[in-house]
Amino acid sequence: MKIGFFLSEGKSSTSYVLADMMVRSARKAMPGIEIVQFSDEHSSRLYSVDSIVRKEGKNIMRLRLEHYAAPGEWLFLDTDLLVQADVAHVFGNEFDIAVSDREGSMLPGEMGGEFMRRMPFNLGAVFSRKPEFWQEALKRFDSYPDNLKDEIISDQLAVNETIKESAFKIMVLPGARYNLSPREEHQDVSGSAIVHFKGARKYWMLRSLYNELGLAA
């Protein structure tokens, strides 16, 4: 198993700080794990990764799907999460793609209802061993009108639709264990292998770094 994540300078500069925190946490939880940065042609390499793989393209949502079509066993991660435990055992199960549910992960006021029905699976942490799945998601993405392709959720929508409408073997993991998005800053997350500080929670993740460094947040 290798870890891969998408990071480019098209995102905010904060993403590089968060990504480095994620990489350090993964190495601590899984010593010796190979970690690869996926990116565009021009963005900087994060110094803490083992290698960088570049592809040409301007739409970062499409680029991420292209990168995820890499062969082999991969754990694809977002940059705004922390790995707290070794999760390689997940590959002991039979699946093409393993994703986590969103149960209990939404903050009051966050998107719900129709959003949850269309995209019930959070893609912050995805276990993959089937490149063909991502190729199918790419075809679906390419079928979207241009205005939808530019939406930040377009790749997530393509993946969720591929999960629902394809014949791939999908394993659904409990988000509380493998992709927990805490509801409050000081929530006890010790029982979760992967903690996802998505959305407004990113500040909580950064503040944990300030605390580690002894700086005022």
C-alpha atoms as a PDB file:
ATOM      1  CA  MET A   1       0.000   0.000   0.000  1.00  0.00           C
ATOM      2  CA  LYS A   2       1.095   3.537  -0.829  1.00  0.00           C
ATOM      3  CA  ILE A   3      -0.399   6.870   0.187  1.00  0.00           C
ATOM      4  CA  GLY A   4      -1.193   9.418  -2.495  1.00  0.00           C
ATOM      5  CA  PHE A   5      -2.612  12.923  -2.200  1.00  0.00           C
ATOM      6  CA  PHE A   6      -3.267  15.787  -4.583  1.00  0.00           C
ATOM      7  CA  LEU A   7      -1.588  19.118  -3.839  1.00  0.00           C
ATOM      8  CA  SER A   8      -1.016  22.079  -6.127  1.00  0.00           C
ATOM      9  CA  GLU A   9      -0.407  25.777  -5.772  1.00  0.00           C
ATOM     10  CA  GLY A  10      -3.852  26.328  -7.239  1.00  0.00           C
ATOM     11  CA  LYS A  11      -5.059  25.732  -3.701  1.00  0.00           C
ATOM     12  CA  SER A  12      -4.369  28.085  -0.784  1.00  0.00           C
ATOM     13  CA  SER A  13      -0.869  28.255   0.669  1.00  0.00           C
ATOM     14  CA  THR A  14      -2.335  26.868   3.886  1.00  0.00           C
ATOM     15  CA  SER A  15      -2.833  23.573   2.052  1.00  0.00           C
ATOM     16  CA  TYR A  16       0.935  23.015   2.041  1.00  0.00           C
ATOM     17  CA  VAL A  17       1.083  23.407   5.825  1.00  0.00           C
ATOM     18  CA  LEU A  18      -1.855  21.051   6.282  1.00  0.00           C
ATOM     19  CA  ALA A  19      -0.391  18.549   3.821  1.00  0.00           C
ATOM     20  CA  ASP A  20       2.896  18.453   5.714  1.00  0.00           C
ATOM     21  CA  MET A  21       1.005  17.808   8.955  1.00  0.00           C
ATOM     22  CA  MET A  22      -0.889  14.981   7.245  1.00  0.00           C
ATOM     23  CA  VAL A  23       2.307  13.429   5.875  1.00  0.00           C
ATOM     24  CA  ARG A  24       4.040  13.589   9.267  1.00  0.00           C
ATOM     25  CA  SER A  25       1.049  11.968  10.958  1.00  0.00           C
ATOM     26  CA  ALA A  26       0.943   9.165   8.359  1.00  0.00           C
ATOM     27  CA  ARG A  27       4.650   8.415   8.804  1.00  0.00           C
ATOM     28  CA  LYS A  28       4.226   8.300  12.563  1.00  0.00           C
ATOM     29  CA  ALA A  29       1.250   5.922  12.327  1.00  0.00           C
ATOM     30  CA  MET A  30       2.743   3.787   9.541  1.00  0.00           C
ATOM     31  CA  PRO A  31       6.552   3.938   9.600  1.00  0.00           C
ATOM     32  CA  GLY A  32       8.126   3.175   6.231  1.00  0.00           C
ATOM     33  CA  ILE A  33       4.992   3.947   4.215  1.00  0.00           C
ATOM     34  CA  GLU A  34       5.671   5.414   0.753  1.00  0.00           C
ATOM     35  CA  ILE A  35       3.952   8.756   0.269  1.00  0.00           C
ATOM     36  CA  VAL A  36       3.447  10.333  -3.157  1.00  0.00           C
ATOM     37  CA  GLN A  37       2.335  13.861  -4.008  1.00  0.00           C
ATOM     38  CA  PHE A  38       0.155  14.165  -7.098  1.00  0.00           C
ATOM     39  CA  SER A  39       0.269  17.559  -8.755  1.00  0.00           C
ATOM     40  CA  ASP A  40       0.257  19.629 -11.934  1.00  0.00           C
ATOM     41  CA  GLU A  41       3.287  20.468 -14.051  1.00  0.00           C
ATOM     42  CA  HIS A  42       4.454  23.540 -12.157  1.00  0.00           C
ATOM     43  CA  SER A  43       3.530  23.394  -8.455  1.00  0.00           C
ATOM     44  CA  SER A  44       6.170  22.954  -5.783  1.00  0.00           C
ATOM     45  CA  ARG A  45       7.001  19.578  -4.312  1.00  0.00           C
ATOM     46  CA  LEU A  46       6.344  19.126  -0.610  1.00  0.00           C
ATOM     47  CA  TYR A  47       9.733  18.347   0.904  1.00  0.00           C
ATOM     48  CA  SER A  48       8.427  15.572   3.149  1.00  0.00           C
ATOM     49  CA  VAL A  49       7.096  13.271   0.393  1.00  0.00           C
ATOM     50  CA  ASP A  50       9.014  10.407  -1.229  1.00  0.00           C
ATOM     51  CA  SER A  51       8.173  11.463  -4.769  1.00  0.00           C
ATOM     52  CA  ILE A  52       5.931  13.644  -6.892  1.00  0.00           C
ATOM     53  CA  VAL A  53       3.926  12.607  -9.958  1.00  0.00           C
ATOM     54  CA  ARG A  54       2.901  15.396 -12.309  1.00  0.00           C
ATOM     55  CA  LYS A  55       0.217  15.593 -14.966  1.00  0.00           C
ATOM     56  CA  GLU A  56      -0.695  18.403 -17.323  1.00  0.00           C
ATOM     57  CA  GLY A  57      -4.062  20.079 -16.932  1.00  0.00           C
ATOM     58  CA  LYS A  58      -5.809  23.173 -15.605  1.00  0.00           C
ATOM     59  CA  ASN A  59      -8.891  21.667 -13.958  1.00  0.00           C
ATOM     60  CA  ILE A  60      -7.649  20.380 -10.594  1.00  0.00           C
ATOM     61  CA  MET A  61     -10.745  18.251  -9.986  1.00  0.00           C
ATOM     62  CA  ARG A  62     -10.139  16.353 -13.231  1.00  0.00           C
ATOM     63  CA  LEU A  63      -6.407  16.116 -12.496  1.00  0.00           C
ATOM     64  CA  ARG A  64      -7.116  14.449  -9.188  1.00  0.00           C
ATOM     65  CA  LEU A  65      -9.274  11.805 -10.871  1.00  0.00           C
ATOM     66  CA  GLU A  66      -6.538  11.193 -13.453  1.00  0.00           C
ATOM     67  CA  HIS A  67      -3.932  10.704 -10.745  1.00  0.00           C
ATOM     68  CA  TYR A  68      -6.160   8.351  -8.768  1.00  0.00           C
ATOM     69  CA  ALA A  69      -6.255   5.966 -11.747  1.00  0.00           C
ATOM     70  CA  ALA A  70      -2.771   4.792 -10.752  1.00  0.00           C
ATOM     71  CA  PRO A  71      -2.399   0.968 -10.593  1.00  0.00           C
ATOM     72  CA  GLY A  72      -1.723  -0.792  -7.315  1.00  0.00           C
ATOM     73  CA  GLU A  73      -3.060  -0.560  -3.770  1.00  0.00           C
ATOM     74  CA  TRP A  74      -3.423   3.049  -2.677  1.00  0.00           C
ATOM     75  CA  LEU A  75      -4.813   5.035   0.184  1.00  0.00           C
ATOM     76  CA  PHE A  76      -5.812   8.399  -1.306  1.00  0.00           C
ATOM     77  CA  LEU A  77      -6.032  11.170   1.287  1.00  0.00           C
ATOM     78  CA  ASP A  78      -7.074  14.791   1.452  1.00  0.00           C
ATOM     79  CA  THR A  79      -4.512  17.205   2.855  1.00  0.00           C
ATOM     80  CA  ASP A  80      -6.689  18.386   5.753  1.00  0.00           C
ATOM     81  CA  LEU A  81      -6.628  15.239   7.858  1.00  0.00           C
ATOM     82  CA  LEU A  82      -4.475  13.445  10.404  1.00  0.00           C
ATOM     83  CA  VAL A  83      -3.694   9.724  10.421  1.00  0.00           C
ATOM     84  CA  GLN A  84      -3.715   8.330  13.939  1.00  0.00           C
ATOM     85  CA  ALA A  85      -3.391   4.572  13.362  1.00  0.00           C
ATOM     86  CA  ASP A  86      -2.164   2.042  10.817  1.00  0.00           C
ATOM     87  CA  VAL A  87      -4.985   1.300   8.380  1.00  0.00           C
ATOM     88  CA  ALA A  88      -3.203  -1.092   5.996  1.00  0.00           C
ATOM     89  CA  HIS A  89      -5.369  -3.938   7.339  1.00  0.00           C
ATOM     90  CA  VAL A  90      -8.286  -2.598   5.289  1.00  0.00           C
ATOM     91  CA  PHE A  91      -6.680  -4.198   2.235  1.00  0.00           C
ATOM     92  CA  GLY A  92      -7.303  -7.591   3.835  1.00  0.00           C
ATOM     93  CA  ASN A  93     -10.893  -7.240   2.601  1.00  0.00           C
ATOM     94  CA  GLU A  94     -12.245  -7.877  -0.886  1.00  0.00           C
ATOM     95  CA  PHE A  95     -13.154  -4.654  -2.692  1.00  0.00           C
ATOM     96  CA  ASP A  96     -12.311  -2.513  -5.686  1.00  0.00           C
ATOM     97  CA  ILE A  97     -12.822   0.757  -3.837  1.00  0.00           C
ATOM     98  CA  ALA A  98     -13.436   1.361  -0.131  1.00  0.00           C
ATOM     99  CA  VAL A  99     -15.003   4.644   0.965  1.00  0.00           C
ATOM    100  CA  SER A 100     -16.462   5.927   4.209  1.00  0.00           C
ATOM    101  CA  ASP A 101     -19.943   7.150   5.013  1.00  0.00           C
ATOM    102  CA  ARG A 102     -20.745  10.627   6.335  1.00  0.00           C
ATOM    103  CA  GLU A 103     -22.684   9.458   9.374  1.00  0.00           C
ATOM    104  CA  GLY A 104     -22.306  11.961  12.183  1.00  0.00           C
ATOM    105  CA  SER A 105     -19.773  14.110  10.311  1.00  0.00           C
ATOM    106  CA  MET A 106     -21.863  17.141   9.333  1.00  0.00           C
ATOM    107  CA  LEU A 107     -21.800  20.341  11.368  1.00  0.00           C
ATOM    108  CA  PRO A 108     -25.062  22.249  11.929  1.00  0.00           C
ATOM    109  CA  GLY A 109     -25.612  24.429   8.872  1.00  0.00           C
ATOM    110  CA  GLU A 110     -23.411  22.343   6.584  1.00  0.00           C
ATOM    111  CA  MET A 111     -24.812  20.943   3.372  1.00  0.00           C
ATOM    112  CA  GLY A 112     -27.402  18.232   3.927  1.00  0.00           C
ATOM    113  CA  GLY A 113     -30.612  16.967   2.346  1.00  0.00           C
ATOM    114  CA  GLU A 114     -30.158  16.740  -1.417  1.00  0.00           C
ATOM    115  CA  PHE A 115     -26.376  17.030  -1.031  1.00  0.00           C
ATOM    116  CA  MET A 116     -26.330  13.958   1.208  1.00  0.00           C
ATOM    117  CA  ARG A 117     -28.558  12.017  -1.164  1.00  0.00           C
ATOM    118  CA  ARG A 118     -26.351  12.795  -4.169  1.00  0.00           C
ATOM    119  CA  MET A 119     -23.022  12.350  -2.371  1.00  0.00           C
ATOM    120  CA  PRO A 120     -23.411  10.025   0.627  1.00  0.00           C
ATOM    121  CA  PHE A 121     -19.712   9.084   0.633  1.00  0.00           C
ATOM    122  CA  ASN A 122     -16.895  11.345   1.752  1.00  0.00           C
ATOM    123  CA  LEU A 123     -13.736  11.071  -0.342  1.00  0.00           C
ATOM    124  CA  GLY A 124     -11.243  12.361   2.218  1.00  0.00           C
ATOM    125  CA  ALA A 125      -9.858   8.848   2.591  1.00  0.00           C
ATOM    126  CA  VAL A 126     -10.329   6.286  -0.196  1.00  0.00           C
ATOM    127  CA  PHE A 127      -8.752   2.839  -0.407  1.00  0.00           C
ATOM    128  CA  SER A 128      -8.230   1.851  -4.047  1.00  0.00           C
ATOM    129  CA  ARG A 129      -7.008  -1.176  -5.963  1.00  0.00           C
ATOM    130  CA  LYS A 130      -8.966  -0.753  -9.220  1.00  0.00           C
ATOM    131  CA  PRO A 131      -7.738   1.901 -11.702  1.00  0.00           C
ATOM    132  CA  GLU A 132     -10.714   1.127 -13.944  1.00  0.00           C
ATOM    133  CA  PHE A 133     -13.031   2.646 -11.349  1.00  0.00           C
ATOM    134  CA  TRP A 134     -11.314   6.009 -11.671  1.00  0.00           C
ATOM    135  CA  GLN A 135     -11.281   5.764 -15.450  1.00  0.00           C
ATOM    136  CA  GLU A 136     -15.052   5.309 -15.312  1.00  0.00           C
ATOM    137  CA  ALA A 137     -15.365   8.296 -12.953  1.00  0.00           C
ATOM    138  CA  LEU A 138     -13.308  10.332 -15.433  1.00  0.00           C
ATOM    139  CA  LYS A 139     -15.700   9.459 -18.268  1.00  0.00           C
ATOM    140  CA  ARG A 140     -18.589  10.589 -16.102  1.00  0.00           C
ATOM    141  CA  PHE A 141     -16.793  13.814 -15.205  1.00  0.00           C
ATOM    142  CA  ASP A 142     -16.086  14.529 -18.881  1.00  0.00           C
ATOM    143  CA  SER A 143     -19.800  14.180 -19.651  1.00  0.00           C
ATOM    144  CA  TYR A 144     -20.647  17.112 -17.357  1.00  0.00           C
ATOM    145  CA  PRO A 145     -21.292  20.611 -18.757  1.00  0.00           C
ATOM    146  CA  ASP A 146     -18.372  23.021 -18.392  1.00  0.00           C
ATOM    147  CA  ASN A 147     -19.961  24.992 -15.562  1.00  0.00           C
ATOM    148  CA  LEU A 148     -20.312  21.826 -13.462  1.00  0.00           C
ATOM    149  CA  LYS A 149     -16.759  20.699 -14.225  1.00  0.00           C
ATOM    150  CA  ASP A 150     -15.522  23.914 -12.605  1.00  0.00           C
ATOM    151  CA  GLU A 151     -17.412  23.292  -9.352  1.00  0.00           C
ATOM    152  CA  ILE A 152     -15.178  22.251  -6.447  1.00  0.00           C
ATOM    153  CA  ILE A 153     -17.387  19.219  -5.795  1.00  0.00           C
ATOM    154  CA  SER A 154     -17.462  17.985  -9.413  1.00  0.00           C
ATOM    155  CA  ASP A 155     -14.961  15.155  -8.937  1.00  0.00           C
ATOM    156  CA  GLN A 156     -16.713  14.021  -5.758  1.00  0.00           C
ATOM    157  CA  LEU A 157     -20.021  13.981  -7.604  1.00  0.00           C
ATOM    158  CA  ALA A 158     -18.522  11.898 -10.427  1.00  0.00           C
ATOM    159  CA  VAL A 159     -17.135   9.380  -7.935  1.00  0.00           C
ATOM    160  CA  ASN A 160     -20.384   9.108  -5.962  1.00  0.00           C
ATOM    161  CA  GLU A 161     -22.372   8.579  -9.157  1.00  0.00           C
ATOM    162  CA  THR A 162     -19.900   5.931 -10.322  1.00  0.00           C
ATOM    163  CA  ILE A 163     -20.255   4.138  -6.995  1.00  0.00           C
ATOM    164  CA  LYS A 164     -24.045   4.118  -7.292  1.00  0.00           C
ATOM    165  CA  GLU A 165     -24.352   3.232 -10.967  1.00  0.00           C
ATOM    166  CA  SER A 166     -21.438   0.907 -11.736  1.00  0.00           C
ATOM    167  CA  ALA A 167     -20.722  -2.772 -11.121  1.00  0.00           C
ATOM    168  CA  PHE A 168     -17.541  -2.239  -9.094  1.00  0.00           C
ATOM    169  CA  LYS A 169     -17.237  -3.918  -5.715  1.00  0.00           C
ATOM    170  CA  ILE A 170     -17.578  -1.130  -3.157  1.00  0.00           C
ATOM    171  CA  MET A 171     -16.849  -1.455   0.541  1.00  0.00           C
ATOM    172  CA  VAL A 172     -18.365   1.166   2.842  1.00  0.00           C
ATOM    173  CA  LEU A 173     -16.315   1.871   5.957  1.00  0.00           C
ATOM    174  CA  PRO A 174     -17.631   3.592   9.100  1.00  0.00           C
ATOM    175  CA  GLY A 175     -16.710   7.250   8.893  1.00  0.00           C
ATOM    176  CA  ALA A 176     -16.435   7.419  12.670  1.00  0.00           C
ATOM    177  CA  ARG A 177     -13.363   5.184  12.428  1.00  0.00           C
ATOM    178  CA  TYR A 178     -11.811   5.873   9.030  1.00  0.00           C
ATOM    179  CA  ASN A 179     -12.837   9.438   8.168  1.00  0.00           C
ATOM    180  CA  LEU A 180     -14.153  11.229  11.231  1.00  0.00           C
ATOM    181  CA  SER A 181     -15.018  14.913  10.895  1.00  0.00           C
ATOM    182  CA  PRO A 182     -15.250  16.158  14.499  1.00  0.00           C
ATOM    183  CA  ARG A 183     -18.214  18.288  15.495  1.00  0.00           C
ATOM    184  CA  GLU A 184     -16.320  20.364  18.028  1.00  0.00           C
ATOM    185  CA  GLU A 185     -12.696  21.361  18.447  1.00  0.00           C
ATOM    186  CA  HIS A 186     -11.927  19.449  21.620  1.00  0.00           C
ATOM    187  CA  GLN A 187     -13.938  16.344  20.784  1.00  0.00           C
ATOM    188  CA  ASP A 188     -12.336  13.054  21.823  1.00  0.00           C
ATOM    189  CA  VAL A 189     -11.139  11.525  18.554  1.00  0.00           C
ATOM    190  CA  SER A 190      -8.775   8.961  20.061  1.00  0.00           C
ATOM    191  CA  GLY A 191     -10.878   6.073  18.728  1.00  0.00           C
ATOM    192  CA  SER A 192     -10.567   7.201  15.108  1.00  0.00           C
ATOM    193  CA  ALA A 193      -7.808   6.062  12.765  1.00  0.00           C
ATOM    194  CA  ILE A 194      -8.263   9.047  10.430  1.00  0.00           C
ATOM    195  CA  VAL A 195      -9.574  12.471  11.476  1.00  0.00           C
ATOM    196  CA  HIS A 196     -10.738  14.828   8.723  1.00  0.00           C
ATOM    197  CA  PHE A 197     -10.678  18.564   9.421  1.00  0.00           C
ATOM    198  CA  LYS A 198     -12.727  19.540   6.404  1.00  0.00           C
ATOM    199  CA  GLY A 199     -14.267  22.936   5.850  1.00  0.00           C
ATOM    200  CA  ALA A 200     -14.154  25.336   8.792  1.00  0.00           C
ATOM    201  CA  ARG A 201     -12.450  22.652  10.901  1.00  0.00           C
ATOM    202  CA  LYS A 202      -9.125  23.361   9.159  1.00  0.00           C
ATOM    203  CA  TYR A 203      -8.454  26.044  11.745  1.00  0.00           C
ATOM    204  CA  TRP A 204      -8.692  23.404  14.495  1.00  0.00           C
ATOM    205  CA  MET A 205      -6.031  21.357  12.714  1.00  0.00           C
ATOM    206  CA  LEU A 206      -3.762  24.385  12.383  1.00  0.00           C
ATOM    207  CA  ARG A 207      -4.289  25.294  16.024  1.00  0.00           C
ATOM    208  CA  SER A 208      -3.072  21.838  17.041  1.00  0.00           C
ATOM    209  CA  LEU A 209       0.188  22.696  15.255  1.00  0.00           C
ATOM    210  CA  TYR A 210       0.406  26.033  17.079  1.00  0.00           C
ATOM    211  CA  ASN A 211      -0.047  24.189  20.355  1.00  0.00           C
ATOM    212  CA  GLU A 212       2.609  21.636  19.409  1.00  0.00           C
ATOM    213  CA  LEU A 213       5.050  24.457  18.658  1.00  0.00           C
ATOM    214  CA  GLY A 214       4.131  26.392  21.777  1.00  0.00           C
ATOM    215  CA  LEU A 215       2.740  29.326  19.796  1.00  0.00           C
ATOM    216  CA  ALA A 216      -0.355  31.357  20.571  1.00  0.00           C
ATOM    217  CA  ALA A 217      -3.233  30.514  18.248  1.00  0.00           C
END
